[in-house]
């Protein structure tokens, strides 16, 4: 099996779990595979997948904003807040004017949101969905999230389609529930598509079921890592590069080139020939202070 350190952009299809969608990546790219945010089975769209040494970069990816197209059906709330649950509450269908007023006044900016009972949130050492499936009471604390934009794309009563730009940790199923309750109604999601994560768009994503496409996509990982917010680049000399292979931080005298912005707190470390060796954290003076990932020799990326 080929092993390759990479950052992949995958298009998860409807009807499969996020875990299942990673199986071809584990087979064709690297068995050491992780993701920076799942999607529900009924949803589709963009997933960031990290393999090999780049699995340690999850902290750089998991905090990125996300964009979705969400389709909300008013009138019924389901147990799971999606098409797979049973109806647990009903309410009248609101007007478009009511929906517009509620969105503008209550759902833009910082809001408090309670995750769904059927979610992966940890409650007393267990996942919330495990407790819910067992019939146990689930008390999930509300959390603060940020909604940058909520744009109505269409309204064909009782179905509303909206574009959402939100912070990490936002549950779109909860958003649909809360919008409906604020309108004096009930609702659940019937479709969800994640269209962007941070600087990455669904248009860039690939399906995970073609080996040759996956391997070629993996080769462009440096460009994708370089687009992450807050990451610059460092070039080091040959001796420092040799020491870097053993996980040693680059010393100041061994750094022969830099490309940084003031806000950068991470850096890709290259040798003099342009081969990526590692990702490091930076201190307040933008000097390396922590090794996040060392790329193994056999997996060095030099596209």
C-alpha atoms as a PDB file:
ATOM      1  CA  UNK A   1       0.000   0.000   0.000  1.00  0.00           C
ATOM      2  CA  UNK A   2       1.146   3.507  -0.873  1.00  0.00           C
ATOM      3  CA  UNK A   3       1.724   5.825   2.085  1.00  0.00           C
ATOM      4  CA  UNK A   4       1.601   9.544   1.584  1.00  0.00           C
ATOM      5  CA  UNK A   5       1.412  12.541   3.877  1.00  0.00           C
ATOM      6  CA  UNK A   6      -1.373  14.704   2.507  1.00  0.00           C
ATOM      7  CA  UNK A   7      -4.221  17.158   2.969  1.00  0.00           C
ATOM      8  CA  UNK A   8      -7.169  16.039   0.843  1.00  0.00           C
ATOM      9  CA  UNK A   9     -10.458  17.712  -0.059  1.00  0.00           C
ATOM     10  CA  UNK A  10     -13.140  15.051  -0.413  1.00  0.00           C
ATOM     11  CA  UNK A  11     -16.762  15.274  -1.540  1.00  0.00           C
ATOM     12  CA  UNK A  12     -18.742  13.004   0.772  1.00  0.00           C
ATOM     13  CA  UNK A  13     -21.879  11.705  -0.945  1.00  0.00           C
ATOM     14  CA  UNK A  14     -25.346  11.406   0.557  1.00  0.00           C
ATOM     15  CA  UNK A  15     -26.151   8.144   2.325  1.00  0.00           C
ATOM     16  CA  UNK A  16     -22.731   7.142   3.659  1.00  0.00           C
ATOM     17  CA  UNK A  17     -21.069   7.945   6.958  1.00  0.00           C
ATOM     18  CA  UNK A  18     -17.996  10.131   7.142  1.00  0.00           C
ATOM     19  CA  UNK A  19     -16.076   7.134   8.494  1.00  0.00           C
ATOM     20  CA  UNK A  20     -17.070   4.936   5.552  1.00  0.00           C
ATOM     21  CA  UNK A  21     -16.058   7.598   3.042  1.00  0.00           C
ATOM     22  CA  UNK A  22     -12.470   7.405   4.349  1.00  0.00           C
ATOM     23  CA  UNK A  23     -12.016   3.708   3.558  1.00  0.00           C
ATOM     24  CA  UNK A  24     -10.621   4.267   0.019  1.00  0.00           C
ATOM     25  CA  UNK A  25      -8.220   6.899   1.409  1.00  0.00           C
ATOM     26  CA  UNK A  26      -6.894   4.379   3.931  1.00  0.00           C
ATOM     27  CA  UNK A  27      -6.498   1.825   1.153  1.00  0.00           C
ATOM     28  CA  UNK A  28      -4.973   3.998  -1.559  1.00  0.00           C
ATOM     29  CA  UNK A  29      -3.191   6.847   0.268  1.00  0.00           C
ATOM     30  CA  UNK A  30      -2.328   6.035   3.896  1.00  0.00           C
ATOM     31  CA  UNK A  31      -3.894   3.859   6.587  1.00  0.00           C
ATOM     32  CA  UNK A  32      -3.189   6.651   9.080  1.00  0.00           C
ATOM     33  CA  UNK A  33      -6.121   8.903   8.204  1.00  0.00           C
ATOM     34  CA  UNK A  34      -8.231  11.463  10.032  1.00  0.00           C
ATOM     35  CA  UNK A  35     -10.731  14.205   9.252  1.00  0.00           C
ATOM     36  CA  UNK A  36     -11.266  17.771  10.396  1.00  0.00           C
ATOM     37  CA  UNK A  37     -15.029  17.610  10.895  1.00  0.00           C
ATOM     38  CA  UNK A  38     -17.653  15.018   9.991  1.00  0.00           C
ATOM     39  CA  UNK A  39     -20.905  15.230   8.060  1.00  0.00           C
ATOM     40  CA  UNK A  40     -24.120  13.399   8.933  1.00  0.00           C
ATOM     41  CA  UNK A  41     -25.151  10.428   6.803  1.00  0.00           C
ATOM     42  CA  UNK A  42     -27.975  12.353   5.106  1.00  0.00           C
ATOM     43  CA  UNK A  43     -25.657  15.275   4.254  1.00  0.00           C
ATOM     44  CA  UNK A  44     -23.126  15.734   1.483  1.00  0.00           C
ATOM     45  CA  UNK A  45     -20.262  18.043   0.752  1.00  0.00           C
ATOM     46  CA  UNK A  46     -16.723  19.038   1.584  1.00  0.00           C
ATOM     47  CA  UNK A  47     -14.544  17.213   4.107  1.00  0.00           C
ATOM     48  CA  UNK A  48     -10.918  17.965   4.915  1.00  0.00           C
ATOM     49  CA  UNK A  49      -9.029  14.684   5.270  1.00  0.00           C
ATOM     50  CA  UNK A  50      -5.497  14.464   6.701  1.00  0.00           C
ATOM     51  CA  UNK A  51      -3.174  11.505   6.182  1.00  0.00           C
ATOM     52  CA  UNK A  52       0.219  10.397   7.438  1.00  0.00           C
ATOM     53  CA  UNK A  53       2.179  13.024   9.357  1.00  0.00           C
ATOM     54  CA  UNK A  54      -0.430  15.655   8.494  1.00  0.00           C
ATOM     55  CA  UNK A  55      -2.976  14.052  10.858  1.00  0.00           C
ATOM     56  CA  UNK A  56      -1.255  16.187  13.494  1.00  0.00           C
ATOM     57  CA  UNK A  57      -2.445  19.331  11.699  1.00  0.00           C
ATOM     58  CA  UNK A  58      -6.042  18.893  12.832  1.00  0.00           C
ATOM     59  CA  UNK A  59      -5.776  21.948  15.163  1.00  0.00           C
ATOM     60  CA  UNK A  60      -5.016  24.128  12.116  1.00  0.00           C
ATOM     61  CA  UNK A  61      -8.106  22.869  10.257  1.00  0.00           C
ATOM     62  CA  UNK A  62     -10.782  22.185  12.853  1.00  0.00           C
ATOM     63  CA  UNK A  63     -11.274  25.845  13.793  1.00  0.00           C
ATOM     64  CA  UNK A  64     -12.080  27.075  10.288  1.00  0.00           C
ATOM     65  CA  UNK A  65     -15.421  28.685   9.411  1.00  0.00           C
ATOM     66  CA  UNK A  66     -17.816  26.657   7.283  1.00  0.00           C
ATOM     67  CA  UNK A  67     -20.450  27.347   4.641  1.00  0.00           C
ATOM     68  CA  UNK A  68     -23.558  25.287   3.962  1.00  0.00           C
ATOM     69  CA  UNK A  69     -26.680  25.170   1.863  1.00  0.00           C
ATOM     70  CA  UNK A  70     -29.433  23.938   4.178  1.00  0.00           C
ATOM     71  CA  UNK A  71     -32.953  22.893   3.209  1.00  0.00           C
ATOM     72  CA  UNK A  72     -35.441  23.211   6.085  1.00  0.00           C
ATOM     73  CA  UNK A  73     -38.950  21.737   6.124  1.00  0.00           C
ATOM     74  CA  UNK A  74     -41.346  23.548   8.467  1.00  0.00           C
ATOM     75  CA  UNK A  75     -44.286  21.945  10.217  1.00  0.00           C
ATOM     76  CA  UNK A  76     -42.625  18.941  11.873  1.00  0.00           C
ATOM     77  CA  UNK A  77     -39.639  18.514  14.194  1.00  0.00           C
ATOM     78  CA  UNK A  78     -38.034  15.075  14.205  1.00  0.00           C
ATOM     79  CA  UNK A  79     -36.139  13.321  16.983  1.00  0.00           C
ATOM     80  CA  UNK A  80     -32.867  13.608  15.075  1.00  0.00           C
ATOM     81  CA  UNK A  81     -33.693  17.010  13.479  1.00  0.00           C
ATOM     82  CA  UNK A  82     -33.114  15.404  10.072  1.00  0.00           C
ATOM     83  CA  UNK A  83     -35.031  13.119   7.644  1.00  0.00           C
ATOM     84  CA  UNK A  84     -34.024   9.940   9.503  1.00  0.00           C
ATOM     85  CA  UNK A  85     -35.888  10.703  12.759  1.00  0.00           C
ATOM     86  CA  UNK A  86     -39.497  10.349  13.887  1.00  0.00           C
ATOM     87  CA  UNK A  87     -41.853  13.306  14.229  1.00  0.00           C
ATOM     88  CA  UNK A  88     -41.896  14.522  17.848  1.00  0.00           C
ATOM     89  CA  UNK A  89     -43.605  17.911  17.489  1.00  0.00           C
ATOM     90  CA  UNK A  90     -45.703  19.898  15.023  1.00  0.00           C
ATOM     91  CA  UNK A  91     -46.295  23.575  14.405  1.00  0.00           C
ATOM     92  CA  UNK A  92     -47.953  25.980  11.946  1.00  0.00           C
ATOM     93  CA  UNK A  93     -46.153  27.047   8.787  1.00  0.00           C
ATOM     94  CA  UNK A  94     -44.748  30.589   9.133  1.00  0.00           C
ATOM     95  CA  UNK A  95     -44.816  33.255   6.444  1.00  0.00           C
ATOM     96  CA  UNK A  96     -41.705  34.340   4.577  1.00  0.00           C
ATOM     97  CA  UNK A  97     -41.976  37.738   6.272  1.00  0.00           C
ATOM     98  CA  UNK A  98     -41.874  36.111   9.713  1.00  0.00           C
ATOM     99  CA  UNK A  99     -38.864  33.995   8.740  1.00  0.00           C
ATOM    100  CA  UNK A 100     -36.976  37.005   7.350  1.00  0.00           C
ATOM    101  CA  UNK A 101     -37.636  39.019  10.499  1.00  0.00           C
ATOM    102  CA  UNK A 102     -36.497  36.194  12.785  1.00  0.00           C
ATOM    103  CA  UNK A 103     -33.315  35.561  10.805  1.00  0.00           C
ATOM    104  CA  UNK A 104     -32.304  39.227  10.838  1.00  0.00           C
ATOM    105  CA  UNK A 105     -33.122  39.887  14.492  1.00  0.00           C
ATOM    106  CA  UNK A 106     -32.107  36.662  16.244  1.00  0.00           C
ATOM    107  CA  UNK A 107     -29.697  34.593  14.163  1.00  0.00           C
ATOM    108  CA  UNK A 108     -26.925  36.862  12.944  1.00  0.00           C
ATOM    109  CA  UNK A 109     -23.787  37.282  15.052  1.00  0.00           C
ATOM    110  CA  UNK A 110     -23.050  35.511  18.324  1.00  0.00           C
ATOM    111  CA  UNK A 111     -25.816  33.155  19.469  1.00  0.00           C
ATOM    112  CA  UNK A 112     -26.297  30.438  22.072  1.00  0.00           C
ATOM    113  CA  UNK A 113     -27.010  27.023  20.603  1.00  0.00           C
ATOM    114  CA  UNK A 114     -27.754  23.629  22.142  1.00  0.00           C
ATOM    115  CA  UNK A 115     -26.394  20.722  20.061  1.00  0.00           C
ATOM    116  CA  UNK A 116     -28.852  17.986  19.008  1.00  0.00           C
ATOM    117  CA  UNK A 117     -29.459  15.017  21.306  1.00  0.00           C
ATOM    118  CA  UNK A 118     -28.349  12.843  18.405  1.00  0.00           C
ATOM    119  CA  UNK A 119     -24.830  14.244  18.131  1.00  0.00           C
ATOM    120  CA  UNK A 120     -21.272  13.227  18.989  1.00  0.00           C
ATOM    121  CA  UNK A 121     -21.011  15.644  21.932  1.00  0.00           C
ATOM    122  CA  UNK A 122     -19.543  13.994  25.031  1.00  0.00           C
ATOM    123  CA  UNK A 123     -21.876  13.784  28.038  1.00  0.00           C
ATOM    124  CA  UNK A 124     -20.430  12.130  31.162  1.00  0.00           C
ATOM    125  CA  UNK A 125     -17.969  10.098  29.133  1.00  0.00           C
ATOM    126  CA  UNK A 126     -20.444   8.969  26.474  1.00  0.00           C
ATOM    127  CA  UNK A 127     -21.588  10.338  23.132  1.00  0.00           C
ATOM    128  CA  UNK A 128     -24.946  12.110  23.311  1.00  0.00           C
ATOM    129  CA  UNK A 129     -26.373   9.937  20.528  1.00  0.00           C
ATOM    130  CA  UNK A 130     -25.522   6.779  22.498  1.00  0.00           C
ATOM    131  CA  UNK A 131     -27.547   8.044  25.455  1.00  0.00           C
ATOM    132  CA  UNK A 132     -30.421   9.148  23.213  1.00  0.00           C
ATOM    133  CA  UNK A 133     -30.588   5.778  21.457  1.00  0.00           C
ATOM    134  CA  UNK A 134     -30.667   4.064  24.838  1.00  0.00           C
ATOM    135  CA  UNK A 135     -33.671   6.174  25.830  1.00  0.00           C
ATOM    136  CA  UNK A 136     -31.763   8.095  28.485  1.00  0.00           C
ATOM    137  CA  UNK A 137     -32.318  11.769  29.185  1.00  0.00           C
ATOM    138  CA  UNK A 138     -29.729  13.959  27.465  1.00  0.00           C
ATOM    139  CA  UNK A 139     -28.909  17.335  29.000  1.00  0.00           C
ATOM    140  CA  UNK A 140     -26.462  19.121  26.687  1.00  0.00           C
ATOM    141  CA  UNK A 141     -25.160  22.546  27.741  1.00  0.00           C
ATOM    142  CA  UNK A 142     -25.677  25.402  25.300  1.00  0.00           C
ATOM    143  CA  UNK A 143     -22.581  26.795  23.613  1.00  0.00           C
ATOM    144  CA  UNK A 144     -21.717  30.040  21.877  1.00  0.00           C
ATOM    145  CA  UNK A 145     -21.384  29.987  18.093  1.00  0.00           C
ATOM    146  CA  UNK A 146     -21.176  32.758  15.502  1.00  0.00           C
ATOM    147  CA  UNK A 147     -23.384  33.115  12.423  1.00  0.00           C
ATOM    148  CA  UNK A 148     -21.716  35.366   9.856  1.00  0.00           C
ATOM    149  CA  UNK A 149     -24.465  35.162   7.240  1.00  0.00           C
ATOM    150  CA  UNK A 150     -27.901  33.613   6.721  1.00  0.00           C
ATOM    151  CA  UNK A 151     -29.188  34.196   3.205  1.00  0.00           C
ATOM    152  CA  UNK A 152     -32.528  32.949   1.927  1.00  0.00           C
ATOM    153  CA  UNK A 153     -32.078  31.228  -1.430  1.00  0.00           C
ATOM    154  CA  UNK A 154     -35.680  30.077  -1.876  1.00  0.00           C
ATOM    155  CA  UNK A 155     -39.005  29.743  -0.052  1.00  0.00           C
ATOM    156  CA  UNK A 156     -41.567  27.285  -1.374  1.00  0.00           C
ATOM    157  CA  UNK A 157     -43.818  26.764   1.629  1.00  0.00           C
ATOM    158  CA  UNK A 158     -43.179  24.765   3.759  1.00  0.00           C
ATOM    159  CA  UNK A 159     -39.583  24.393   2.486  1.00  0.00           C
ATOM    160  CA  UNK A 160     -36.897  27.028   3.058  1.00  0.00           C
ATOM    161  CA  UNK A 161     -33.420  26.882   1.511  1.00  0.00           C
ATOM    162  CA  UNK A 162     -30.742  29.056   3.083  1.00  0.00           C
ATOM    163  CA  UNK A 163     -27.024  29.655   2.692  1.00  0.00           C
ATOM    164  CA  UNK A 164     -25.211  29.640   6.038  1.00  0.00           C
ATOM    165  CA  UNK A 165     -21.740  30.972   6.881  1.00  0.00           C
ATOM    166  CA  UNK A 166     -20.909  30.017  10.445  1.00  0.00           C
ATOM    167  CA  UNK A 167     -18.170  29.372  12.982  1.00  0.00           C
ATOM    168  CA  UNK A 168     -16.825  25.992  14.001  1.00  0.00           C
ATOM    169  CA  UNK A 169     -19.061  24.023  16.331  1.00  0.00           C
ATOM    170  CA  UNK A 170     -22.312  25.195  14.728  1.00  0.00           C
ATOM    171  CA  UNK A 171     -24.935  22.477  14.271  1.00  0.00           C
ATOM    172  CA  UNK A 172     -27.122  23.280  11.281  1.00  0.00           C
ATOM    173  CA  UNK A 173     -29.764  20.823  12.539  1.00  0.00           C
ATOM    174  CA  UNK A 174     -30.004  22.849  15.761  1.00  0.00           C
ATOM    175  CA  UNK A 175     -30.118  26.063  13.746  1.00  0.00           C
ATOM    176  CA  UNK A 176     -33.128  24.758  11.782  1.00  0.00           C
ATOM    177  CA  UNK A 177     -34.868  23.745  15.024  1.00  0.00           C
ATOM    178  CA  UNK A 178     -34.232  27.089  16.689  1.00  0.00           C
ATOM    179  CA  UNK A 179     -35.274  29.193  13.689  1.00  0.00           C
ATOM    180  CA  UNK A 180     -38.572  27.326  13.530  1.00  0.00           C
ATOM    181  CA  UNK A 181     -39.273  27.719  17.260  1.00  0.00           C
ATOM    182  CA  UNK A 182     -38.522  31.451  17.010  1.00  0.00           C
ATOM    183  CA  UNK A 183     -41.090  31.594  14.196  1.00  0.00           C
ATOM    184  CA  UNK A 184     -43.691  29.815  16.352  1.00  0.00           C
ATOM    185  CA  UNK A 185     -43.310  26.644  14.338  1.00  0.00           C
ATOM    186  CA  UNK A 186     -41.326  23.402  14.241  1.00  0.00           C
ATOM    187  CA  UNK A 187     -38.916  22.148  11.582  1.00  0.00           C
ATOM    188  CA  UNK A 188     -36.159  19.743  10.612  1.00  0.00           C
ATOM    189  CA  UNK A 189     -33.476  19.570   7.939  1.00  0.00           C
ATOM    190  CA  UNK A 190     -34.287  17.570   4.823  1.00  0.00           C
ATOM    191  CA  UNK A 191     -31.014  18.279   2.981  1.00  0.00           C
ATOM    192  CA  UNK A 192     -27.600  19.714   3.795  1.00  0.00           C
ATOM    193  CA  UNK A 193     -24.565  20.454   1.651  1.00  0.00           C
ATOM    194  CA  UNK A 194     -21.257  21.786   3.019  1.00  0.00           C
ATOM    195  CA  UNK A 195     -19.879  24.057   0.313  1.00  0.00           C
ATOM    196  CA  UNK A 196     -16.737  25.472   1.937  1.00  0.00           C
ATOM    197  CA  UNK A 197     -14.352  25.115   4.876  1.00  0.00           C
ATOM    198  CA  UNK A 198     -12.110  28.118   5.450  1.00  0.00           C
ATOM    199  CA  UNK A 199     -10.291  28.840   2.168  1.00  0.00           C
ATOM    200  CA  UNK A 200     -11.356  25.548   0.563  1.00  0.00           C
ATOM    201  CA  UNK A 201     -14.354  25.111  -1.729  1.00  0.00           C
ATOM    202  CA  UNK A 202     -16.442  22.067  -2.616  1.00  0.00           C
ATOM    203  CA  UNK A 203     -15.569  22.808  -6.258  1.00  0.00           C
ATOM    204  CA  UNK A 204     -12.014  21.658  -5.470  1.00  0.00           C
ATOM    205  CA  UNK A 205     -13.087  18.380  -3.882  1.00  0.00           C
ATOM    206  CA  UNK A 206     -12.835  14.918  -5.396  1.00  0.00           C
ATOM    207  CA  UNK A 207     -14.661  11.635  -4.894  1.00  0.00           C
ATOM    208  CA  UNK A 208     -12.748   9.115  -2.803  1.00  0.00           C
ATOM    209  CA  UNK A 209     -13.384   6.004  -4.890  1.00  0.00           C
ATOM    210  CA  UNK A 210     -10.749   6.426  -7.638  1.00  0.00           C
ATOM    211  CA  UNK A 211      -7.174   5.476  -6.711  1.00  0.00           C
ATOM    212  CA  UNK A 212      -5.412   7.437  -9.455  1.00  0.00           C
ATOM    213  CA  UNK A 213      -7.424  10.595  -8.746  1.00  0.00           C
ATOM    214  CA  UNK A 214      -6.744  10.307  -5.011  1.00  0.00           C
ATOM    215  CA  UNK A 215      -3.002   9.878  -5.473  1.00  0.00           C
ATOM    216  CA  UNK A 216      -2.755  12.820  -7.878  1.00  0.00           C
ATOM    217  CA  UNK A 217      -4.856  14.966  -5.560  1.00  0.00           C
ATOM    218  CA  UNK A 218      -2.526  14.114  -2.668  1.00  0.00           C
ATOM    219  CA  UNK A 219       0.468  15.438  -4.623  1.00  0.00           C
ATOM    220  CA  UNK A 220      -0.946  18.979  -4.470  1.00  0.00           C
ATOM    221  CA  UNK A 221      -1.059  19.020  -0.665  1.00  0.00           C
ATOM    222  CA  UNK A 222       1.614  21.699  -0.182  1.00  0.00           C
ATOM    223  CA  UNK A 223      -0.512  24.280  -1.970  1.00  0.00           C
ATOM    224  CA  UNK A 224      -3.498  23.448   0.221  1.00  0.00           C
ATOM    225  CA  UNK A 225      -1.483  23.587   3.457  1.00  0.00           C
ATOM    226  CA  UNK A 226      -0.032  26.950   2.402  1.00  0.00           C
ATOM    227  CA  UNK A 227      -3.574  28.348   2.104  1.00  0.00           C
ATOM    228  CA  UNK A 228      -4.424  27.616   5.719  1.00  0.00           C
ATOM    229  CA  UNK A 229      -4.796  30.835   7.722  1.00  0.00           C
ATOM    230  CA  UNK A 230      -1.780  31.800   9.808  1.00  0.00           C
ATOM    231  CA  UNK A 231       0.860  29.638   8.137  1.00  0.00           C
ATOM    232  CA  UNK A 232       4.066  30.924   6.515  1.00  0.00           C
ATOM    233  CA  UNK A 233       7.222  29.208   5.282  1.00  0.00           C
ATOM    234  CA  UNK A 234      10.861  28.812   6.322  1.00  0.00           C
ATOM    235  CA  UNK A 235      13.871  27.552   4.351  1.00  0.00           C
ATOM    236  CA  UNK A 236      16.708  25.930   6.298  1.00  0.00           C
ATOM    237  CA  UNK A 237      20.268  24.944   5.440  1.00  0.00           C
ATOM    238  CA  UNK A 238      21.500  21.373   4.942  1.00  0.00           C
ATOM    239  CA  UNK A 239      22.763  20.753   8.478  1.00  0.00           C
ATOM    240  CA  UNK A 240      19.583  22.106  10.044  1.00  0.00           C
ATOM    241  CA  UNK A 241      17.553  19.980   7.627  1.00  0.00           C
ATOM    242  CA  UNK A 242      19.436  16.872   8.738  1.00  0.00           C
ATOM    243  CA  UNK A 243      18.630  17.659  12.375  1.00  0.00           C
ATOM    244  CA  UNK A 244      15.026  18.439  11.458  1.00  0.00           C
ATOM    245  CA  UNK A 245      14.628  14.829  10.305  1.00  0.00           C
ATOM    246  CA  UNK A 246      15.041  13.766  13.943  1.00  0.00           C
ATOM    247  CA  UNK A 247      12.431  16.237  15.183  1.00  0.00           C
ATOM    248  CA  UNK A 248      14.839  18.988  16.267  1.00  0.00           C
ATOM    249  CA  UNK A 249      13.571  22.556  15.977  1.00  0.00           C
ATOM    250  CA  UNK A 250      15.379  24.741  13.430  1.00  0.00           C
ATOM    251  CA  UNK A 251      17.784  27.114  15.159  1.00  0.00           C
ATOM    252  CA  UNK A 252      17.877  30.768  14.125  1.00  0.00           C
ATOM    253  CA  UNK A 253      21.286  30.549  12.472  1.00  0.00           C
ATOM    254  CA  UNK A 254      20.104  27.640  10.304  1.00  0.00           C
ATOM    255  CA  UNK A 255      17.186  29.586   8.803  1.00  0.00           C
ATOM    256  CA  UNK A 256      18.224  31.006   5.429  1.00  0.00           C
ATOM    257  CA  UNK A 257      14.845  32.204   4.156  1.00  0.00           C
ATOM    258  CA  UNK A 258      11.404  33.271   5.425  1.00  0.00           C
ATOM    259  CA  UNK A 259       8.022  34.142   3.933  1.00  0.00           C
ATOM    260  CA  UNK A 260       5.719  35.382   6.685  1.00  0.00           C
ATOM    261  CA  UNK A 261       2.786  37.625   7.481  1.00  0.00           C
ATOM    262  CA  UNK A 262       2.520  39.349  10.854  1.00  0.00           C
ATOM    263  CA  UNK A 263      -0.363  37.095  11.935  1.00  0.00           C
ATOM    264  CA  UNK A 264       1.363  33.793  11.088  1.00  0.00           C
ATOM    265  CA  UNK A 265       1.764  31.392  14.015  1.00  0.00           C
ATOM    266  CA  UNK A 266       2.819  28.300  12.050  1.00  0.00           C
ATOM    267  CA  UNK A 267       5.324  27.627   9.288  1.00  0.00           C
ATOM    268  CA  UNK A 268       6.116  25.004   6.689  1.00  0.00           C
ATOM    269  CA  UNK A 269       9.814  24.123   6.820  1.00  0.00           C
ATOM    270  CA  UNK A 270      11.578  23.432   3.509  1.00  0.00           C
ATOM    271  CA  UNK A 271      15.121  22.379   2.705  1.00  0.00           C
ATOM    272  CA  UNK A 272      17.202  24.278   0.144  1.00  0.00           C
ATOM    273  CA  UNK A 273      15.861  22.160  -2.729  1.00  0.00           C
ATOM    274  CA  UNK A 274      12.238  22.940  -1.886  1.00  0.00           C
ATOM    275  CA  UNK A 275      11.279  19.661  -0.187  1.00  0.00           C
ATOM    276  CA  UNK A 276       8.797  19.995   2.675  1.00  0.00           C
ATOM    277  CA  UNK A 277      10.311  18.606   5.876  1.00  0.00           C
ATOM    278  CA  UNK A 278       7.940  19.622   8.661  1.00  0.00           C
ATOM    279  CA  UNK A 279       5.313  21.966  10.075  1.00  0.00           C
ATOM    280  CA  UNK A 280       6.296  23.990  13.154  1.00  0.00           C
ATOM    281  CA  UNK A 281       4.633  26.391  15.536  1.00  0.00           C
ATOM    282  CA  UNK A 282       6.004  29.917  15.998  1.00  0.00           C
ATOM    283  CA  UNK A 283       6.419  32.066  19.087  1.00  0.00           C
ATOM    284  CA  UNK A 284       5.576  35.762  19.350  1.00  0.00           C
ATOM    285  CA  UNK A 285       8.794  36.638  17.491  1.00  0.00           C
ATOM    286  CA  UNK A 286       7.939  34.116  14.754  1.00  0.00           C
ATOM    287  CA  UNK A 287      10.739  31.786  15.778  1.00  0.00           C
ATOM    288  CA  UNK A 288      10.039  28.010  15.729  1.00  0.00           C
ATOM    289  CA  UNK A 289       8.989  26.788  19.182  1.00  0.00           C
ATOM    290  CA  UNK A 290       7.132  23.522  18.549  1.00  0.00           C
ATOM    291  CA  UNK A 291       7.264  20.716  15.991  1.00  0.00           C
ATOM    292  CA  UNK A 292       3.759  19.772  14.848  1.00  0.00           C
ATOM    293  CA  UNK A 293       4.605  17.267  12.139  1.00  0.00           C
ATOM    294  CA  UNK A 294       7.802  15.844  10.643  1.00  0.00           C
ATOM    295  CA  UNK A 295       7.277  14.403   7.181  1.00  0.00           C
ATOM    296  CA  UNK A 296       8.944  10.961   6.948  1.00  0.00           C
ATOM    297  CA  UNK A 297      11.766  10.728   4.417  1.00  0.00           C
ATOM    298  CA  UNK A 298       9.876   8.283   2.192  1.00  0.00           C
ATOM    299  CA  UNK A 299       6.845  10.592   2.119  1.00  0.00           C
ATOM    300  CA  UNK A 300       8.565  13.920   1.449  1.00  0.00           C
ATOM    301  CA  UNK A 301       6.484  16.239  -0.681  1.00  0.00           C
ATOM    302  CA  UNK A 302       8.238  18.346  -3.294  1.00  0.00           C
ATOM    303  CA  UNK A 303       5.611  19.348  -5.818  1.00  0.00           C
END
